[in-house]
Amino acid sequence: MEGVWGMVAVLGLGAAAVAQLVAACLCFSLSPAKGLASLVVPGYLFLGIREHAYYRPVIGLWLIGLSAMTAGTIALS
């Protein structure tokens, strides 16, 4: 059972990383200034894409990834 929960934690980390990569690309597509700000200011990445149409799916994927990492870590401890 530890292998399953370990995989859940790793897949959650991957999902969160993909969501952040997509959010960075969307931020740069809106404006270069927002893209550069997202690289410097922590958390600006998800505030910068607020007016983009893909805001909810990206945030949803990021939250699912964080939830999976949390559940996997708690189950393994």
PDB file of N, CA and C in Angstrom:
ATOM      1  N   MET A   1       0.810  -1.194   0.000  1.00  0.00           N
ATOM      2  CA  MET A   1       0.000   0.000   0.000  1.00  0.00           C
ATOM      3  C   MET A   1       0.857   1.263   0.000  1.00  0.00           C
ATOM      4  N   GLU A   2       2.087   1.153   0.524  1.00  0.00           N
ATOM      5  CA  GLU A   2       2.962   2.319   0.546  1.00  0.00           C
ATOM      6  C   GLU A   2       3.328   2.768  -0.862  1.00  0.00           C
ATOM      7  N   GLY A   3       3.449   1.808  -1.774  1.00  0.00           N
ATOM      8  CA  GLY A   3       3.787   2.151  -3.149  1.00  0.00           C
ATOM      9  C   GLY A   3       2.708   2.977  -3.820  1.00  0.00           C
ATOM     10  N   VAL A   4       1.448   2.675  -3.504  1.00  0.00           N
ATOM     11  CA  VAL A   4       0.323   3.415  -4.087  1.00  0.00           C
ATOM     12  C   VAL A   4       0.320   4.857  -3.585  1.00  0.00           C
ATOM     13  N   TRP A   5       0.487   5.020  -2.274  1.00  0.00           N
ATOM     14  CA  TRP A   5       0.464   6.368  -1.711  1.00  0.00           C
ATOM     15  C   TRP A   5       1.690   7.172  -2.131  1.00  0.00           C
ATOM     16  N   GLY A   6       2.801   6.493  -2.295  1.00  0.00           N
ATOM     17  CA  GLY A   6       3.982   7.179  -2.813  1.00  0.00           C
ATOM     18  C   GLY A   6       3.759   7.679  -4.226  1.00  0.00           C
ATOM     19  N   MET A   7       3.085   6.853  -5.037  1.00  0.00           N
ATOM     20  CA  MET A   7       2.770   7.257  -6.407  1.00  0.00           C
ATOM     21  C   MET A   7       1.782   8.427  -6.420  1.00  0.00           C
ATOM     22  N   VAL A   8       0.820   8.421  -5.495  1.00  0.00           N
ATOM     23  CA  VAL A   8      -0.137   9.528  -5.403  1.00  0.00           C
ATOM     24  C   VAL A   8       0.588  10.829  -5.084  1.00  0.00           C
ATOM     25  N   ALA A   9       1.545  10.779  -4.157  1.00  0.00           N
ATOM     26  CA  ALA A   9       2.296  11.973  -3.792  1.00  0.00           C
ATOM     27  C   ALA A   9       3.141  12.480  -4.959  1.00  0.00           C
ATOM     28  N   VAL A  10       3.781  11.569  -5.678  1.00  0.00           N
ATOM     29  CA  VAL A  10       4.629  11.967  -6.804  1.00  0.00           C
ATOM     30  C   VAL A  10       3.785  12.513  -7.954  1.00  0.00           C
ATOM     31  N   LEU A  11       2.646  11.876  -8.237  1.00  0.00           N
ATOM     32  CA  LEU A  11       1.765  12.377  -9.296  1.00  0.00           C
ATOM     33  C   LEU A  11       1.162  13.731  -8.926  1.00  0.00           C
ATOM     34  N   GLY A  12       0.891  13.934  -7.661  1.00  0.00           N
ATOM     35  CA  GLY A  12       0.409  15.242  -7.208  1.00  0.00           C
ATOM     36  C   GLY A  12       1.448  16.321  -7.407  1.00  0.00           C
ATOM     37  N   LEU A  13       2.701  15.991  -7.122  1.00  0.00           N
ATOM     38  CA  LEU A  13       3.789  16.944  -7.360  1.00  0.00           C
ATOM     39  C   LEU A  13       3.902  17.260  -8.843  1.00  0.00           C
ATOM     40  N   GLY A  14       3.762  16.238  -9.673  1.00  0.00           N
ATOM     41  CA  GLY A  14       3.818  16.449 -11.121  1.00  0.00           C
ATOM     42  C   GLY A  14       2.675  17.317 -11.625  1.00  0.00           C
ATOM     43  N   ALA A  15       1.476  17.078 -11.108  1.00  0.00           N
ATOM     44  CA  ALA A  15       0.317  17.874 -11.518  1.00  0.00           C
ATOM     45  C   ALA A  15       0.479  19.336 -11.115  1.00  0.00           C
ATOM     46  N   ALA A  16       0.976  19.576  -9.916  1.00  0.00           N
ATOM     47  CA  ALA A  16       1.194  20.954  -9.471  1.00  0.00           C
ATOM     48  C   ALA A  16       2.273  21.634 -10.315  1.00  0.00           C
ATOM     49  N   ALA A  17       3.314  20.894 -10.674  1.00  0.00           N
ATOM     50  CA  ALA A  17       4.379  21.462 -11.497  1.00  0.00           C
ATOM     51  C   ALA A  17       3.875  21.794 -12.907  1.00  0.00           C
ATOM     52  N   VAL A  18       3.059  20.919 -13.471  1.00  0.00           N
ATOM     53  CA  VAL A  18       2.487  21.179 -14.800  1.00  0.00           C
ATOM     54  C   VAL A  18       1.582  22.406 -14.751  1.00  0.00           C
ATOM     55  N   ALA A  19       0.781  22.523 -13.699  1.00  0.00           N
ATOM     56  CA  ALA A  19      -0.109  23.677 -13.565  1.00  0.00           C
ATOM     57  C   ALA A  19       0.694  24.970 -13.477  1.00  0.00           C
ATOM     58  N   GLN A  20       1.802  24.950 -12.753  1.00  0.00           N
ATOM     59  CA  GLN A  20       2.612  26.159 -12.645  1.00  0.00           C
ATOM     60  C   GLN A  20       3.299  26.492 -13.961  1.00  0.00           C
ATOM     61  N   LEU A  21       3.710  25.494 -14.703  1.00  0.00           N
ATOM     62  CA  LEU A  21       4.322  25.729 -16.010  1.00  0.00           C
ATOM     63  C   LEU A  21       3.305  26.317 -16.984  1.00  0.00           C
ATOM     64  N   VAL A  22       2.099  25.769 -16.996  1.00  0.00           N
ATOM     65  CA  VAL A  22       1.045  26.292 -17.865  1.00  0.00           C
ATOM     66  C   VAL A  22       0.689  27.722 -17.455  1.00  0.00           C
ATOM     67  N   ALA A  23       0.602  27.979 -16.157  1.00  0.00           N
ATOM     68  CA  ALA A  23       0.287  29.325 -15.685  1.00  0.00           C
ATOM     69  C   ALA A  23       1.378  30.311 -16.090  1.00  0.00           C
ATOM     70  N   ALA A  24       2.633  29.899 -16.053  1.00  0.00           N
ATOM     71  CA  ALA A  24       3.726  30.787 -16.476  1.00  0.00           C
ATOM     72  C   ALA A  24       3.608  31.104 -17.964  1.00  0.00           C
ATOM     73  N   CYS A  25       3.307  30.116 -18.771  1.00  0.00           N
ATOM     74  CA  CYS A  25       3.129  30.352 -20.211  1.00  0.00           C
ATOM     75  C   CYS A  25       1.951  31.280 -20.472  1.00  0.00           C
ATOM     76  N   LEU A  26       0.857  31.095 -19.746  1.00  0.00           N
ATOM     77  CA  LEU A  26      -0.300  31.971 -19.907  1.00  0.00           C
ATOM     78  C   LEU A  26       0.014  33.393 -19.465  1.00  0.00           C
ATOM     79  N   CYS A  27       0.797  33.522 -18.421  1.00  0.00           N
ATOM     80  CA  CYS A  27       1.173  34.841 -17.920  1.00  0.00           C
ATOM     81  C   CYS A  27       2.025  35.578 -18.959  1.00  0.00           C
ATOM     82  N   PHE A  28       2.958  34.884 -19.581  1.00  0.00           N
ATOM     83  CA  PHE A  28       3.772  35.499 -20.619  1.00  0.00           C
ATOM     84  C   PHE A  28       2.944  35.814 -21.860  1.00  0.00           C
ATOM     85  N   SER A  29       1.889  35.030 -22.128  1.00  0.00           N
ATOM     86  CA  SER A  29       1.061  35.306 -23.299  1.00  0.00           C
ATOM     87  C   SER A  29       0.211  36.558 -23.109  1.00  0.00           C
ATOM     88  N   LEU A  30      -0.103  36.897 -21.863  1.00  0.00           N
ATOM     89  CA  LEU A  30      -0.873  38.112 -21.602  1.00  0.00           C
ATOM     90  C   LEU A  30      -0.020  39.354 -21.782  1.00  0.00           C
ATOM     91  N   SER A  31       1.139  39.375 -21.147  1.00  0.00           N
ATOM     92  CA  SER A  31       2.076  40.488 -21.334  1.00  0.00           C
ATOM     93  C   SER A  31       3.443  40.078 -20.786  1.00  0.00           C
ATOM     94  N   PRO A  32       4.496  40.557 -21.420  1.00  0.00           N
ATOM     95  CA  PRO A  32       5.841  40.227 -20.929  1.00  0.00           C
ATOM     96  C   PRO A  32       6.107  40.758 -19.518  1.00  0.00           C
ATOM     97  N   ALA A  33       5.502  41.897 -19.180  1.00  0.00           N
ATOM     98  CA  ALA A  33       5.709  42.453 -17.838  1.00  0.00           C
ATOM     99  C   ALA A  33       5.124  41.538 -16.771  1.00  0.00           C
ATOM    100  N   LYS A  34       3.937  40.995 -17.044  1.00  0.00           N
ATOM    101  CA  LYS A  34       3.323  40.057 -16.099  1.00  0.00           C
ATOM    102  C   LYS A  34       4.134  38.775 -16.027  1.00  0.00           C
ATOM    103  N   GLY A  35       4.681  38.356 -17.146  1.00  0.00           N
ATOM    104  CA  GLY A  35       5.509  37.157 -17.156  1.00  0.00           C
ATOM    105  C   GLY A  35       6.763  37.326 -16.324  1.00  0.00           C
ATOM    106  N   LEU A  36       7.415  38.467 -16.462  1.00  0.00           N
ATOM    107  CA  LEU A  36       8.616  38.725 -15.659  1.00  0.00           C
ATOM    108  C   LEU A  36       8.272  38.880 -14.179  1.00  0.00           C
ATOM    109  N   ALA A  37       7.136  39.519 -13.897  1.00  0.00           N
ATOM    110  CA  ALA A  37       6.721  39.662 -12.495  1.00  0.00           C
ATOM    111  C   ALA A  37       6.424  38.297 -11.885  1.00  0.00           C
ATOM    112  N   SER A  38       5.897  37.380 -12.688  1.00  0.00           N
ATOM    113  CA  SER A  38       5.594  36.048 -12.155  1.00  0.00           C
ATOM    114  C   SER A  38       6.856  35.262 -11.830  1.00  0.00           C
ATOM    115  N   LEU A  39       7.962  35.601 -12.481  1.00  0.00           N
ATOM    116  CA  LEU A  39       9.229  34.937 -12.174  1.00  0.00           C
ATOM    117  C   LEU A  39       9.875  35.491 -10.914  1.00  0.00           C
ATOM    118  N   VAL A  40       9.567  36.749 -10.576  1.00  0.00           N
ATOM    119  CA  VAL A  40      10.235  37.411  -9.455  1.00  0.00           C
ATOM    120  C   VAL A  40       9.394  37.362  -8.179  1.00  0.00           C
ATOM    121  N   VAL A  41       8.104  37.591  -8.299  1.00  0.00           N
ATOM    122  CA  VAL A  41       7.221  37.694  -7.136  1.00  0.00           C
ATOM    123  C   VAL A  41       6.529  36.355  -6.896  1.00  0.00           C
ATOM    124  N   PRO A  42       6.756  35.726  -5.743  1.00  0.00           N
ATOM    125  CA  PRO A  42       6.094  34.454  -5.467  1.00  0.00           C
ATOM    126  C   PRO A  42       4.571  34.623  -5.368  1.00  0.00           C
ATOM    127  N   GLY A  43       3.850  33.746  -6.008  1.00  0.00           N
ATOM    128  CA  GLY A  43       2.399  33.782  -5.965  1.00  0.00           C
ATOM    129  C   GLY A  43       1.758  34.666  -7.012  1.00  0.00           C
ATOM    130  N   TYR A  44       2.519  35.541  -7.654  1.00  0.00           N
ATOM    131  CA  TYR A  44       1.946  36.420  -8.675  1.00  0.00           C
ATOM    132  C   TYR A  44       1.502  35.635  -9.896  1.00  0.00           C
ATOM    133  N   LEU A  45       2.073  34.477 -10.057  1.00  0.00           N
ATOM    134  CA  LEU A  45       1.772  33.639 -11.213  1.00  0.00           C
ATOM    135  C   LEU A  45       0.271  33.406 -11.349  1.00  0.00           C
ATOM    136  N   PHE A  46      -0.391  33.072 -10.256  1.00  0.00           N
ATOM    137  CA  PHE A  46      -1.807  32.762 -10.313  1.00  0.00           C
ATOM    138  C   PHE A  46      -2.676  34.009 -10.246  1.00  0.00           C
ATOM    139  N   LEU A  47      -2.148  35.109  -9.758  1.00  0.00           N
ATOM    140  CA  LEU A  47      -2.887  36.365  -9.803  1.00  0.00           C
ATOM    141  C   LEU A  47      -2.779  37.003 -11.180  1.00  0.00           C
ATOM    142  N   GLY A  48      -1.675  36.785 -11.856  1.00  0.00           N
ATOM    143  CA  GLY A  48      -1.455  37.386 -13.161  1.00  0.00           C
ATOM    144  C   GLY A  48      -2.336  36.818 -14.251  1.00  0.00           C
ATOM    145  N   ILE A  49      -2.781  35.575 -14.104  1.00  0.00           N
ATOM    146  CA  ILE A  49      -3.611  34.961 -15.150  1.00  0.00           C
ATOM    147  C   ILE A  49      -5.091  35.035 -14.814  1.00  0.00           C
ATOM    148  N   ARG A  50      -5.445  35.861 -13.844  1.00  0.00           N
ATOM    149  CA  ARG A  50      -6.832  35.930 -13.380  1.00  0.00           C
ATOM    150  C   ARG A  50      -7.813  36.274 -14.505  1.00  0.00           C
ATOM    151  N   GLU A  51      -7.413  37.123 -15.467  1.00  0.00           N
ATOM    152  CA  GLU A  51      -8.341  37.497 -16.533  1.00  0.00           C
ATOM    153  C   GLU A  51      -8.303  36.542 -17.728  1.00  0.00           C
ATOM    154  N   HIS A  52      -7.495  35.504 -17.654  1.00  0.00           N
ATOM    155  CA  HIS A  52      -7.408  34.530 -18.746  1.00  0.00           C
ATOM    156  C   HIS A  52      -8.544  33.514 -18.642  1.00  0.00           C
ATOM    157  N   ALA A  53      -8.957  32.986 -19.784  1.00  0.00           N
ATOM    158  CA  ALA A  53     -10.079  32.033 -19.807  1.00  0.00           C
ATOM    159  C   ALA A  53      -9.727  30.710 -19.136  1.00  0.00           C
ATOM    160  N   TYR A  54      -8.446  30.360 -19.079  1.00  0.00           N
ATOM    161  CA  TYR A  54      -8.031  29.082 -18.504  1.00  0.00           C
ATOM    162  C   TYR A  54      -7.679  29.185 -17.026  1.00  0.00           C
ATOM    163  N   TYR A  55      -8.100  30.247 -16.371  1.00  0.00           N
ATOM    164  CA  TYR A  55      -7.752  30.443 -14.958  1.00  0.00           C
ATOM    165  C   TYR A  55      -8.282  29.314 -14.084  1.00  0.00           C
ATOM    166  N   ARG A  56      -9.570  29.002 -14.206  1.00  0.00           N
ATOM    167  CA  ARG A  56     -10.170  27.981 -13.343  1.00  0.00           C
ATOM    168  C   ARG A  56      -9.581  26.587 -13.571  1.00  0.00           C
ATOM    169  N   PRO A  57      -9.396  26.126 -14.815  1.00  0.00           N
ATOM    170  CA  PRO A  57      -8.792  24.799 -14.981  1.00  0.00           C
ATOM    171  C   PRO A  57      -7.361  24.712 -14.437  1.00  0.00           C
ATOM    172  N   VAL A  58      -6.586  25.771 -14.603  1.00  0.00           N
ATOM    173  CA  VAL A  58      -5.203  25.750 -14.108  1.00  0.00           C
ATOM    174  C   VAL A  58      -5.184  25.725 -12.588  1.00  0.00           C
ATOM    175  N   ILE A  59      -5.994  26.572 -11.972  1.00  0.00           N
ATOM    176  CA  ILE A  59      -6.061  26.586 -10.502  1.00  0.00           C
ATOM    177  C   ILE A  59      -6.611  25.258  -9.985  1.00  0.00           C
ATOM    178  N   GLY A  60      -7.587  24.693 -10.683  1.00  0.00           N
ATOM    179  CA  GLY A  60      -8.138  23.397 -10.282  1.00  0.00           C
ATOM    180  C   GLY A  60      -7.092  22.296 -10.325  1.00  0.00           C
ATOM    181  N   LEU A  61      -6.312  22.254 -11.402  1.00  0.00           N
ATOM    182  CA  LEU A  61      -5.245  21.251 -11.504  1.00  0.00           C
ATOM    183  C   LEU A  61      -4.208  21.449 -10.401  1.00  0.00           C
ATOM    184  N   TRP A  62      -3.871  22.692 -10.107  1.00  0.00           N
ATOM    185  CA  TRP A  62      -2.889  22.986  -9.064  1.00  0.00           C
ATOM    186  C   TRP A  62      -3.407  22.537  -7.695  1.00  0.00           C
ATOM    187  N   LEU A  63      -4.676  22.801  -7.418  1.00  0.00           N
ATOM    188  CA  LEU A  63      -5.251  22.392  -6.131  1.00  0.00           C
ATOM    189  C   LEU A  63      -5.369  20.872  -6.020  1.00  0.00           C
ATOM    190  N   ILE A  64      -5.703  20.204  -7.119  1.00  0.00           N
ATOM    191  CA  ILE A  64      -5.751  18.746  -7.115  1.00  0.00           C
ATOM    192  C   ILE A  64      -4.364  18.178  -6.846  1.00  0.00           C
ATOM    193  N   GLY A  65      -3.351  18.777  -7.462  1.00  0.00           N
ATOM    194  CA  GLY A  65      -1.979  18.333  -7.220  1.00  0.00           C
ATOM    195  C   GLY A  65      -1.560  18.518  -5.776  1.00  0.00           C
ATOM    196  N   LEU A  66      -1.885  19.670  -5.203  1.00  0.00           N
ATOM    197  CA  LEU A  66      -1.545  19.905  -3.792  1.00  0.00           C
ATOM    198  C   LEU A  66      -2.290  18.946  -2.870  1.00  0.00           C
ATOM    199  N   SER A  67      -3.552  18.680  -3.194  1.00  0.00           N
ATOM    200  CA  SER A  67      -4.330  17.739  -2.371  1.00  0.00           C
ATOM    201  C   SER A  67      -3.767  16.327  -2.448  1.00  0.00           C
ATOM    202  N   ALA A  68      -3.356  15.917  -3.640  1.00  0.00           N
ATOM    203  CA  ALA A  68      -2.773  14.584  -3.788  1.00  0.00           C
ATOM    204  C   ALA A  68      -1.441  14.473  -3.057  1.00  0.00           C
ATOM    205  N   MET A  69      -0.620  15.531  -3.139  1.00  0.00           N
ATOM    206  CA  MET A  69       0.650  15.510  -2.392  1.00  0.00           C
ATOM    207  C   MET A  69       0.396  15.427  -0.897  1.00  0.00           C
ATOM    208  N   THR A  70      -0.577  16.176  -0.415  1.00  0.00           N
ATOM    209  CA  THR A  70      -0.890  16.177   1.017  1.00  0.00           C
ATOM    210  C   THR A  70      -1.421  14.819   1.459  1.00  0.00           C
ATOM    211  N   ALA A  71      -2.348  14.259   0.688  1.00  0.00           N
ATOM    212  CA  ALA A  71      -2.920  12.962   1.047  1.00  0.00           C
ATOM    213  C   ALA A  71      -1.849  11.860   1.020  1.00  0.00           C
ATOM    214  N   GLY A  72      -1.009  11.870   0.009  1.00  0.00           N
ATOM    215  CA  GLY A  72       0.053  10.874  -0.078  1.00  0.00           C
ATOM    216  C   GLY A  72       1.056  10.985   1.046  1.00  0.00           C
ATOM    217  N   THR A  73       1.401  12.212   1.399  1.00  0.00           N
ATOM    218  CA  THR A  73       2.373  12.416   2.482  1.00  0.00           C
ATOM    219  C   THR A  73       1.794  11.996   3.829  1.00  0.00           C
ATOM    220  N   ILE A  74       0.530  12.338   4.067  1.00  0.00           N
ATOM    221  CA  ILE A  74      -0.108  11.962   5.332  1.00  0.00           C
ATOM    222  C   ILE A  74      -0.252  10.445   5.424  1.00  0.00           C
ATOM    223  N   ALA A  75      -0.618   9.807   4.328  1.00  0.00           N
ATOM    224  CA  ALA A  75      -0.796   8.365   4.340  1.00  0.00           C
ATOM    225  C   ALA A  75       0.525   7.627   4.530  1.00  0.00           C
ATOM    226  N   LEU A  76       1.613   8.203   4.051  1.00  0.00           N
ATOM    227  CA  LEU A  76       2.914   7.556   4.199  1.00  0.00           C
ATOM    228  C   LEU A  76       3.534   7.750   5.582  1.00  0.00           C
ATOM    229  N   SER A  77       3.066   8.740   6.307  1.00  0.00           N
ATOM    230  CA  SER A  77       3.694   8.991   7.612  1.00  0.00           C
ATOM    231  C   SER A  77       3.129   8.134   8.713  1.00  0.00           C
TER     232      SER A  77
END
